[in-house]
Amino acid sequence: MSRVFEKSEKVVERCIREEYILVPVMSSEENLNSLYTLNETAGLIWREACAGGSEQDLVEQVIARFEVDRETAREDVHHILNDLVRIGALREVFHPA
């Protein structure tokens, strides 16, 4: 679980009152209505993933910040990272074999 990510050039971000909003860079009309808002947990994961934190680092930060058990944190981090990759906001840069 040491995947590392970087921010994709396919989105721009804005942080308004501690809430992150991701907007896809328009490459086609189908993206015109796409706007993603991140809750507090997803915002933390987004910010730290863009800063180069590994998936395991993110799990530890979620545990410390939100006082959840390890399994819940692991599942949440994994799910949110996969969603951010799916929408093109993040791309995976390292995953050991």
PDB file of N, CA and C in Angstrom:
ATOM      1  N   MET A   1       0.816  -1.187   0.000  1.00  0.00           N
ATOM      2  CA  MET A   1       0.000   0.000   0.000  1.00  0.00           C
ATOM      3  C   MET A   1       0.865   1.259   0.000  1.00  0.00           C
ATOM      4  N   SER A   2       1.856   1.343  -0.867  1.00  0.00           N
ATOM      5  CA  SER A   2       2.659   2.555  -0.911  1.00  0.00           C
ATOM      6  C   SER A   2       2.552   3.277  -2.244  1.00  0.00           C
ATOM      7  N   ARG A   3       1.367   3.270  -2.795  1.00  0.00           N
ATOM      8  CA  ARG A   3       1.181   4.018  -4.035  1.00  0.00           C
ATOM      9  C   ARG A   3       1.422   5.499  -3.775  1.00  0.00           C
ATOM     10  N   VAL A   4       1.992   6.163  -4.781  1.00  0.00           N
ATOM     11  CA  VAL A   4       2.232   7.601  -4.714  1.00  0.00           C
ATOM     12  C   VAL A   4       1.588   8.225  -5.946  1.00  0.00           C
ATOM     13  N   PHE A   5       1.079   9.425  -5.787  1.00  0.00           N
ATOM     14  CA  PHE A   5       0.323  10.087  -6.844  1.00  0.00           C
ATOM     15  C   PHE A   5       0.875  11.479  -7.103  1.00  0.00           C
ATOM     16  N   GLU A   6       0.463  12.037  -8.224  1.00  0.00           N
ATOM     17  CA  GLU A   6       0.724  13.444  -8.495  1.00  0.00           C
ATOM     18  C   GLU A   6      -0.526  14.049  -9.109  1.00  0.00           C
ATOM     19  N   LYS A   7      -0.622  15.358  -8.976  1.00  0.00           N
ATOM     20  CA  LYS A   7      -1.765  16.074  -9.521  1.00  0.00           C
ATOM     21  C   LYS A   7      -1.697  16.021 -11.039  1.00  0.00           C
ATOM     22  N   SER A   8      -2.825  15.765 -11.642  1.00  0.00           N
ATOM     23  CA  SER A   8      -2.934  15.733 -13.086  1.00  0.00           C
ATOM     24  C   SER A   8      -3.096  17.154 -13.619  1.00  0.00           C
ATOM     25  N   GLU A   9      -2.598  17.370 -14.813  1.00  0.00           N
ATOM     26  CA  GLU A   9      -2.797  18.668 -15.468  1.00  0.00           C
ATOM     27  C   GLU A   9      -4.210  18.790 -16.021  1.00  0.00           C
ATOM     28  N   LYS A  10      -5.025  17.771 -15.843  1.00  0.00           N
ATOM     29  CA  LYS A  10      -6.396  17.765 -16.375  1.00  0.00           C
ATOM     30  C   LYS A  10      -7.401  18.489 -15.473  1.00  0.00           C
ATOM     31  N   VAL A  11      -6.952  18.935 -14.296  1.00  0.00           N
ATOM     32  CA  VAL A  11      -7.857  19.656 -13.391  1.00  0.00           C
ATOM     33  C   VAL A  11      -7.167  20.888 -12.827  1.00  0.00           C
ATOM     34  N   VAL A  12      -7.991  21.847 -12.460  1.00  0.00           N
ATOM     35  CA  VAL A  12      -7.524  22.979 -11.667  1.00  0.00           C
ATOM     36  C   VAL A  12      -8.273  22.918 -10.353  1.00  0.00           C
ATOM     37  N   GLU A  13      -7.656  23.440  -9.327  1.00  0.00           N
ATOM     38  CA  GLU A  13      -8.274  23.382  -8.004  1.00  0.00           C
ATOM     39  C   GLU A  13      -8.431  24.774  -7.434  1.00  0.00           C
ATOM     40  N   ARG A  14      -9.422  24.907  -6.593  1.00  0.00           N
ATOM     41  CA  ARG A  14      -9.623  26.126  -5.820  1.00  0.00           C
ATOM     42  C   ARG A  14     -10.003  25.689  -4.415  1.00  0.00           C
ATOM     43  N   CYS A  15      -9.457  26.394  -3.453  1.00  0.00           N
ATOM     44  CA  CYS A  15      -9.815  26.134  -2.058  1.00  0.00           C
ATOM     45  C   CYS A  15     -10.560  27.364  -1.556  1.00  0.00           C
ATOM     46  N   ILE A  16     -11.817  27.158  -1.202  1.00  0.00           N
ATOM     47  CA  ILE A  16     -12.660  28.235  -0.720  1.00  0.00           C
ATOM     48  C   ILE A  16     -13.182  27.841   0.654  1.00  0.00           C
ATOM     49  N   ARG A  17     -12.775  28.607   1.650  1.00  0.00           N
ATOM     50  CA  ARG A  17     -13.178  28.332   3.035  1.00  0.00           C
ATOM     51  C   ARG A  17     -12.900  26.882   3.420  1.00  0.00           C
ATOM     52  N   GLU A  18     -11.692  26.444   3.104  1.00  0.00           N
ATOM     53  CA  GLU A  18     -11.207  25.104   3.444  1.00  0.00           C
ATOM     54  C   GLU A  18     -11.938  23.978   2.723  1.00  0.00           C
ATOM     55  N   GLU A  19     -12.680  24.299   1.670  1.00  0.00           N
ATOM     56  CA  GLU A  19     -13.320  23.275   0.855  1.00  0.00           C
ATOM     57  C   GLU A  19     -12.672  23.301  -0.525  1.00  0.00           C
ATOM     58  N   TYR A  20     -12.216  22.144  -0.974  1.00  0.00           N
ATOM     59  CA  TYR A  20     -11.574  22.056  -2.278  1.00  0.00           C
ATOM     60  C   TYR A  20     -12.614  21.815  -3.365  1.00  0.00           C
ATOM     61  N   ILE A  21     -12.444  22.543  -4.451  1.00  0.00           N
ATOM     62  CA  ILE A  21     -13.275  22.376  -5.637  1.00  0.00           C
ATOM     63  C   ILE A  21     -12.339  22.048  -6.786  1.00  0.00           C
ATOM     64  N   LEU A  22     -12.621  20.953  -7.484  1.00  0.00           N
ATOM     65  CA  LEU A  22     -11.819  20.531  -8.627  1.00  0.00           C
ATOM     66  C   LEU A  22     -12.632  20.745  -9.887  1.00  0.00           C
ATOM     67  N   VAL A  23     -12.005  21.383 -10.859  1.00  0.00           N
ATOM     68  CA  VAL A  23     -12.669  21.678 -12.121  1.00  0.00           C
ATOM     69  C   VAL A  23     -11.831  21.086 -13.240  1.00  0.00           C
ATOM     70  N   PRO A  24     -12.409  20.193 -14.042  1.00  0.00           N
ATOM     71  CA  PRO A  24     -11.652  19.649 -15.169  1.00  0.00           C
ATOM     72  C   PRO A  24     -11.317  20.745 -16.178  1.00  0.00           C
ATOM     73  N   VAL A  25     -10.103  20.675 -16.729  1.00  0.00           N
ATOM     74  CA  VAL A  25      -9.737  21.567 -17.818  1.00  0.00           C
ATOM     75  C   VAL A  25     -10.553  21.119 -19.014  1.00  0.00           C
ATOM     76  N   MET A  26     -11.208  22.032 -19.649  1.00  0.00           N
ATOM     77  CA  MET A  26     -12.140  21.695 -20.714  1.00  0.00           C
ATOM     78  C   MET A  26     -11.432  21.174 -21.958  1.00  0.00           C
ATOM     79  N   SER A  27     -11.603  19.900 -22.213  1.00  0.00           N
ATOM     80  CA  SER A  27     -11.070  19.327 -23.437  1.00  0.00           C
ATOM     81  C   SER A  27     -12.203  18.941 -24.376  1.00  0.00           C
ATOM     82  N   SER A  28     -13.404  18.905 -23.838  1.00  0.00           N
ATOM     83  CA  SER A  28     -14.568  18.610 -24.663  1.00  0.00           C
ATOM     84  C   SER A  28     -15.817  19.133 -23.965  1.00  0.00           C
ATOM     85  N   GLU A  29     -16.891  19.211 -24.685  1.00  0.00           N
ATOM     86  CA  GLU A  29     -18.143  19.706 -24.112  1.00  0.00           C
ATOM     87  C   GLU A  29     -18.706  18.794 -23.042  1.00  0.00           C
ATOM     88  N   GLU A  30     -18.354  17.520 -23.072  1.00  0.00           N
ATOM     89  CA  GLU A  30     -18.903  16.603 -22.069  1.00  0.00           C
ATOM     90  C   GLU A  30     -18.422  16.937 -20.667  1.00  0.00           C
ATOM     91  N   ASN A  31     -17.308  17.660 -20.535  1.00  0.00           N
ATOM     92  CA  ASN A  31     -16.785  18.033 -19.220  1.00  0.00           C
ATOM     93  C   ASN A  31     -17.353  19.355 -18.712  1.00  0.00           C
ATOM     94  N   LEU A  32     -18.157  20.045 -19.512  1.00  0.00           N
ATOM     95  CA  LEU A  32     -18.624  21.377 -19.132  1.00  0.00           C
ATOM     96  C   LEU A  32     -19.409  21.391 -17.830  1.00  0.00           C
ATOM     97  N   ASN A  33     -20.125  20.348 -17.519  1.00  0.00           N
ATOM     98  CA  ASN A  33     -20.935  20.322 -16.307  1.00  0.00           C
ATOM     99  C   ASN A  33     -20.247  19.623 -15.139  1.00  0.00           C
ATOM    100  N   SER A  34     -18.979  19.306 -15.271  1.00  0.00           N
ATOM    101  CA  SER A  34     -18.257  18.587 -14.219  1.00  0.00           C
ATOM    102  C   SER A  34     -17.617  19.561 -13.246  1.00  0.00           C
ATOM    103  N   LEU A  35     -17.932  19.376 -11.993  1.00  0.00           N
ATOM    104  CA  LEU A  35     -17.354  20.149 -10.912  1.00  0.00           C
ATOM    105  C   LEU A  35     -17.355  19.227  -9.706  1.00  0.00           C
ATOM    106  N   TYR A  36     -16.224  19.109  -9.035  1.00  0.00           N
ATOM    107  CA  TYR A  36     -16.123  18.171  -7.922  1.00  0.00           C
ATOM    108  C   TYR A  36     -15.788  18.944  -6.655  1.00  0.00           C
ATOM    109  N   THR A  37     -16.568  18.720  -5.619  1.00  0.00           N
ATOM    110  CA  THR A  37     -16.266  19.302  -4.319  1.00  0.00           C
ATOM    111  C   THR A  37     -15.826  18.173  -3.403  1.00  0.00           C
ATOM    112  N   LEU A  38     -14.842  18.481  -2.581  1.00  0.00           N
ATOM    113  CA  LEU A  38     -14.285  17.471  -1.684  1.00  0.00           C
ATOM    114  C   LEU A  38     -14.652  17.797  -0.249  1.00  0.00           C
ATOM    115  N   ASN A  39     -15.132  16.791   0.468  1.00  0.00           N
ATOM    116  CA  ASN A  39     -15.407  16.993   1.891  1.00  0.00           C
ATOM    117  C   ASN A  39     -14.072  17.092   2.638  1.00  0.00           C
ATOM    118  N   GLU A  40     -14.123  17.255   3.933  1.00  0.00           N
ATOM    119  CA  GLU A  40     -12.905  17.469   4.720  1.00  0.00           C
ATOM    120  C   GLU A  40     -11.914  16.314   4.578  1.00  0.00           C
ATOM    121  N   THR A  41     -12.402  15.086   4.631  1.00  0.00           N
ATOM    122  CA  THR A  41     -11.524  13.923   4.496  1.00  0.00           C
ATOM    123  C   THR A  41     -10.899  13.873   3.112  1.00  0.00           C
ATOM    124  N   ALA A  42     -11.721  14.007   2.084  1.00  0.00           N
ATOM    125  CA  ALA A  42     -11.211  13.968   0.715  1.00  0.00           C
ATOM    126  C   ALA A  42     -10.266  15.135   0.448  1.00  0.00           C
ATOM    127  N   GLY A  43     -10.543  16.290   1.040  1.00  0.00           N
ATOM    128  CA  GLY A  43      -9.652  17.449   0.890  1.00  0.00           C
ATOM    129  C   GLY A  43      -8.275  17.182   1.472  1.00  0.00           C
ATOM    130  N   LEU A  44      -8.239  16.569   2.642  1.00  0.00           N
ATOM    131  CA  LEU A  44      -6.957  16.205   3.258  1.00  0.00           C
ATOM    132  C   LEU A  44      -6.210  15.220   2.371  1.00  0.00           C
ATOM    133  N   ILE A  45      -6.894  14.212   1.885  1.00  0.00           N
ATOM    134  CA  ILE A  45      -6.267  13.196   1.039  1.00  0.00           C
ATOM    135  C   ILE A  45      -5.767  13.832  -0.256  1.00  0.00           C
ATOM    136  N   TRP A  46      -6.566  14.686  -0.872  1.00  0.00           N
ATOM    137  CA  TRP A  46      -6.171  15.390  -2.097  1.00  0.00           C
ATOM    138  C   TRP A  46      -4.900  16.211  -1.871  1.00  0.00           C
ATOM    139  N   ARG A  47      -4.928  17.046  -0.857  1.00  0.00           N
ATOM    140  CA  ARG A  47      -3.807  17.943  -0.558  1.00  0.00           C
ATOM    141  C   ARG A  47      -2.521  17.161  -0.322  1.00  0.00           C
ATOM    142  N   GLU A  48      -2.608  16.121   0.487  1.00  0.00           N
ATOM    143  CA  GLU A  48      -1.409  15.351   0.838  1.00  0.00           C
ATOM    144  C   GLU A  48      -0.945  14.467  -0.310  1.00  0.00           C
ATOM    145  N   ALA A  49      -1.863  13.943  -1.110  1.00  0.00           N
ATOM    146  CA  ALA A  49      -1.460  13.151  -2.287  1.00  0.00           C
ATOM    147  C   ALA A  49      -0.735  14.042  -3.283  1.00  0.00           C
ATOM    148  N   CYS A  50      -1.226  15.263  -3.481  1.00  0.00           N
ATOM    149  CA  CYS A  50      -0.568  16.203  -4.402  1.00  0.00           C
ATOM    150  C   CYS A  50       0.811  16.611  -3.900  1.00  0.00           C
ATOM    151  N   ALA A  51       1.008  16.545  -2.590  1.00  0.00           N
ATOM    152  CA  ALA A  51       2.303  16.891  -1.995  1.00  0.00           C
ATOM    153  C   ALA A  51       3.272  15.710  -2.001  1.00  0.00           C
ATOM    154  N   GLY A  52       2.839  14.567  -2.534  1.00  0.00           N
ATOM    155  CA  GLY A  52       3.731  13.418  -2.642  1.00  0.00           C
ATOM    156  C   GLY A  52       3.611  12.389  -1.547  1.00  0.00           C
ATOM    157  N   GLY A  53       2.605  12.524  -0.693  1.00  0.00           N
ATOM    158  CA  GLY A  53       2.409  11.540   0.371  1.00  0.00           C
ATOM    159  C   GLY A  53       1.996  10.194  -0.197  1.00  0.00           C
ATOM    160  N   SER A  54       2.528   9.129   0.379  1.00  0.00           N
ATOM    161  CA  SER A  54       2.155   7.786  -0.074  1.00  0.00           C
ATOM    162  C   SER A  54       0.781   7.419   0.488  1.00  0.00           C
ATOM    163  N   GLU A  55       0.187   6.406  -0.096  1.00  0.00           N
ATOM    164  CA  GLU A  55      -1.120   5.951   0.378  1.00  0.00           C
ATOM    165  C   GLU A  55      -1.057   5.597   1.864  1.00  0.00           C
ATOM    166  N   GLN A  56       0.006   4.946   2.284  1.00  0.00           N
ATOM    167  CA  GLN A  56       0.151   4.585   3.703  1.00  0.00           C
ATOM    168  C   GLN A  56       0.267   5.833   4.578  1.00  0.00           C
ATOM    169  N   ASP A  57       1.020   6.848   4.116  1.00  0.00           N
ATOM    170  CA  ASP A  57       1.110   8.118   4.854  1.00  0.00           C
ATOM    171  C   ASP A  57      -0.266   8.738   5.026  1.00  0.00           C
ATOM    172  N   LEU A  58      -1.069   8.668   3.971  1.00  0.00           N
ATOM    173  CA  LEU A  58      -2.407   9.249   4.021  1.00  0.00           C
ATOM    174  C   LEU A  58      -3.287   8.522   5.026  1.00  0.00           C
ATOM    175  N   VAL A  59      -3.160   7.211   5.086  1.00  0.00           N
ATOM    176  CA  VAL A  59      -3.919   6.437   6.073  1.00  0.00           C
ATOM    177  C   VAL A  59      -3.572   6.914   7.480  1.00  0.00           C
ATOM    178  N   GLU A  60      -2.292   7.075   7.757  1.00  0.00           N
ATOM    179  CA  GLU A  60      -1.853   7.522   9.086  1.00  0.00           C
ATOM    180  C   GLU A  60      -2.393   8.919   9.407  1.00  0.00           C
ATOM    181  N   GLN A  61      -2.404   9.799   8.411  1.00  0.00           N
ATOM    182  CA  GLN A  61      -2.917  11.152   8.639  1.00  0.00           C
ATOM    183  C   GLN A  61      -4.419  11.145   8.902  1.00  0.00           C
ATOM    184  N   VAL A  62      -5.141  10.319   8.188  1.00  0.00           N
ATOM    185  CA  VAL A  62      -6.598  10.227   8.403  1.00  0.00           C
ATOM    186  C   VAL A  62      -6.881   9.684   9.808  1.00  0.00           C
ATOM    187  N   ILE A  63      -6.138   8.683  10.231  1.00  0.00           N
ATOM    188  CA  ILE A  63      -6.317   8.134  11.589  1.00  0.00           C
ATOM    189  C   ILE A  63      -6.086   9.219  12.630  1.00  0.00           C
ATOM    190  N   ALA A  64      -4.995   9.965  12.472  1.00  0.00           N
ATOM    191  CA  ALA A  64      -4.652  11.002  13.451  1.00  0.00           C
ATOM    192  C   ALA A  64      -5.657  12.154  13.446  1.00  0.00           C
ATOM    193  N   ARG A  65      -6.097  12.552  12.289  1.00  0.00           N
ATOM    194  CA  ARG A  65      -6.967  13.723  12.170  1.00  0.00           C
ATOM    195  C   ARG A  65      -8.409  13.436  12.559  1.00  0.00           C
ATOM    196  N   PHE A  66      -8.902  12.261  12.177  1.00  0.00           N
ATOM    197  CA  PHE A  66     -10.317  11.975  12.361  1.00  0.00           C
ATOM    198  C   PHE A  66     -10.601  10.901  13.405  1.00  0.00           C
ATOM    199  N   GLU A  67      -9.552  10.381  14.024  1.00  0.00           N
ATOM    200  CA  GLU A  67      -9.697   9.385  15.087  1.00  0.00           C
ATOM    201  C   GLU A  67     -10.590   8.225  14.681  1.00  0.00           C
ATOM    202  N   VAL A  68     -10.274   7.626  13.534  1.00  0.00           N
ATOM    203  CA  VAL A  68     -10.995   6.447  13.056  1.00  0.00           C
ATOM    204  C   VAL A  68     -10.064   5.243  13.152  1.00  0.00           C
ATOM    205  N   ASP A  69     -10.656   4.057  13.095  1.00  0.00           N
ATOM    206  CA  ASP A  69      -9.823   2.853  13.160  1.00  0.00           C
ATOM    207  C   ASP A  69      -9.066   2.670  11.839  1.00  0.00           C
ATOM    208  N   ARG A  70      -8.013   1.894  11.880  1.00  0.00           N
ATOM    209  CA  ARG A  70      -7.115   1.697  10.746  1.00  0.00           C
ATOM    210  C   ARG A  70      -7.849   1.150   9.510  1.00  0.00           C
ATOM    211  N   GLU A  71      -8.718   0.183   9.688  1.00  0.00           N
ATOM    212  CA  GLU A  71      -9.414  -0.415   8.544  1.00  0.00           C
ATOM    213  C   GLU A  71     -10.322   0.603   7.850  1.00  0.00           C
ATOM    214  N   THR A  72     -11.044   1.388   8.631  1.00  0.00           N
ATOM    215  CA  THR A  72     -11.901   2.426   8.053  1.00  0.00           C
ATOM    216  C   THR A  72     -11.061   3.448   7.301  1.00  0.00           C
ATOM    217  N   ALA A  73      -9.968   3.879   7.907  1.00  0.00           N
ATOM    218  CA  ALA A  73      -9.079   4.852   7.254  1.00  0.00           C
ATOM    219  C   ALA A  73      -8.509   4.283   5.966  1.00  0.00           C
ATOM    220  N   ARG A  74      -8.080   3.037   5.999  1.00  0.00           N
ATOM    221  CA  ARG A  74      -7.501   2.390   4.816  1.00  0.00           C
ATOM    222  C   ARG A  74      -8.529   2.328   3.681  1.00  0.00           C
ATOM    223  N   GLU A  75      -9.741   1.910   4.009  1.00  0.00           N
ATOM    224  CA  GLU A  75     -10.798   1.817   2.996  1.00  0.00           C
ATOM    225  C   GLU A  75     -11.154   3.186   2.428  1.00  0.00           C
ATOM    226  N   ASP A  76     -11.288   4.185   3.313  1.00  0.00           N
ATOM    227  CA  ASP A  76     -11.633   5.536   2.859  1.00  0.00           C
ATOM    228  C   ASP A  76     -10.554   6.107   1.947  1.00  0.00           C
ATOM    229  N   VAL A  77      -9.298   6.000   2.364  1.00  0.00           N
ATOM    230  CA  VAL A  77      -8.191   6.528   1.570  1.00  0.00           C
ATOM    231  C   VAL A  77      -8.140   5.831   0.217  1.00  0.00           C
ATOM    232  N   HIS A  78      -8.230   4.526   0.218  1.00  0.00           N
ATOM    233  CA  HIS A  78      -8.170   3.758  -1.028  1.00  0.00           C
ATOM    234  C   HIS A  78      -9.305   4.177  -1.979  1.00  0.00           C
ATOM    235  N   HIS A  79     -10.507   4.275  -1.449  1.00  0.00           N
ATOM    236  CA  HIS A  79     -11.678   4.643  -2.252  1.00  0.00           C
ATOM    237  C   HIS A  79     -11.532   6.058  -2.825  1.00  0.00           C
ATOM    238  N   ILE A  80     -11.149   7.003  -1.995  1.00  0.00           N
ATOM    239  CA  ILE A  80     -11.033   8.396  -2.443  1.00  0.00           C
ATOM    240  C   ILE A  80      -9.914   8.536  -3.471  1.00  0.00           C
ATOM    241  N   LEU A  81      -8.766   7.896  -3.241  1.00  0.00           N
ATOM    242  CA  LEU A  81      -7.684   7.964  -4.223  1.00  0.00           C
ATOM    243  C   LEU A  81      -8.124   7.381  -5.562  1.00  0.00           C
ATOM    244  N   ASN A  82      -8.804   6.248  -5.520  1.00  0.00           N
ATOM    245  CA  ASN A  82      -9.281   5.641  -6.768  1.00  0.00           C
ATOM    246  C   ASN A  82     -10.282   6.547  -7.486  1.00  0.00           C
ATOM    247  N   ASP A  83     -11.153   7.214  -6.724  1.00  0.00           N
ATOM    248  CA  ASP A  83     -12.101   8.148  -7.338  1.00  0.00           C
ATOM    249  C   ASP A  83     -11.367   9.325  -7.977  1.00  0.00           C
ATOM    250  N   LEU A  84     -10.356   9.849  -7.304  1.00  0.00           N
ATOM    251  CA  LEU A  84      -9.603  10.976  -7.847  1.00  0.00           C
ATOM    252  C   LEU A  84      -8.835  10.579  -9.113  1.00  0.00           C
ATOM    253  N   VAL A  85      -8.366   9.345  -9.166  1.00  0.00           N
ATOM    254  CA  VAL A  85      -7.720   8.847 -10.384  1.00  0.00           C
ATOM    255  C   VAL A  85      -8.771   8.682 -11.482  1.00  0.00           C
ATOM    256  N   ARG A  86      -9.916   8.123 -11.140  1.00  0.00           N
ATOM    257  CA  ARG A  86     -10.980   7.876 -12.118  1.00  0.00           C
ATOM    258  C   ARG A  86     -11.455   9.163 -12.791  1.00  0.00           C
ATOM    259  N   ILE A  87     -11.557  10.254 -12.046  1.00  0.00           N
ATOM    260  CA  ILE A  87     -12.019  11.513 -12.645  1.00  0.00           C
ATOM    261  C   ILE A  87     -10.878  12.279 -13.315  1.00  0.00           C
ATOM    262  N   GLY A  88      -9.663  11.759 -13.211  1.00  0.00           N
ATOM    263  CA  GLY A  88      -8.531  12.384 -13.877  1.00  0.00           C
ATOM    264  C   GLY A  88      -7.840  13.463 -13.073  1.00  0.00           C
ATOM    265  N   ALA A  89      -8.136  13.573 -11.781  1.00  0.00           N
ATOM    266  CA  ALA A  89      -7.524  14.601 -10.939  1.00  0.00           C
ATOM    267  C   ALA A  89      -6.119  14.202 -10.479  1.00  0.00           C
ATOM    268  N   LEU A  90      -5.919  12.914 -10.235  1.00  0.00           N
ATOM    269  CA  LEU A  90      -4.618  12.383  -9.824  1.00  0.00           C
ATOM    270  C   LEU A  90      -4.176  11.319 -10.815  1.00  0.00           C
ATOM    271  N   ARG A  91      -2.877  11.110 -10.860  1.00  0.00           N
ATOM    272  CA  ARG A  91      -2.362   9.960 -11.585  1.00  0.00           C
ATOM    273  C   ARG A  91      -1.313   9.287 -10.698  1.00  0.00           C
ATOM    274  N   GLU A  92      -1.314   7.979 -10.770  1.00  0.00           N
ATOM    275  CA  GLU A  92      -0.386   7.191  -9.973  1.00  0.00           C
ATOM    276  C   GLU A  92       0.996   7.263 -10.604  1.00  0.00           C
ATOM    277  N   VAL A  93       2.009   7.540  -9.768  1.00  0.00           N
ATOM    278  CA  VAL A  93       3.374   7.618 -10.275  1.00  0.00           C
ATOM    279  C   VAL A  93       4.273   6.516  -9.747  1.00  0.00           C
ATOM    280  N   PHE A  94       3.813   5.794  -8.712  1.00  0.00           N
ATOM    281  CA  PHE A  94       4.633   4.716  -8.161  1.00  0.00           C
ATOM    282  C   PHE A  94       3.766   3.691  -7.486  1.00  0.00           C
ATOM    283  N   HIS A  95       4.015   2.459  -7.789  1.00  0.00           N
ATOM    284  CA  HIS A  95       3.345   1.350  -7.120  1.00  0.00           C
ATOM    285  C   HIS A  95       4.303   0.172  -7.166  1.00  0.00           C
ATOM    286  N   PRO A  96       4.870  -0.210  -6.035  1.00  0.00           N
ATOM    287  CA  PRO A  96       5.838  -1.305  -6.045  1.00  0.00           C
ATOM    288  C   PRO A  96       5.215  -2.630  -6.457  1.00  0.00           C
ATOM    289  N   ALA A  97       6.013  -3.441  -7.108  1.00  0.00           N
ATOM    290  CA  ALA A  97       5.535  -4.754  -7.576  1.00  0.00           C
ATOM    291  C   ALA A  97       5.325  -5.714  -6.428  1.00  0.00           C
TER     292      ALA A  97
END
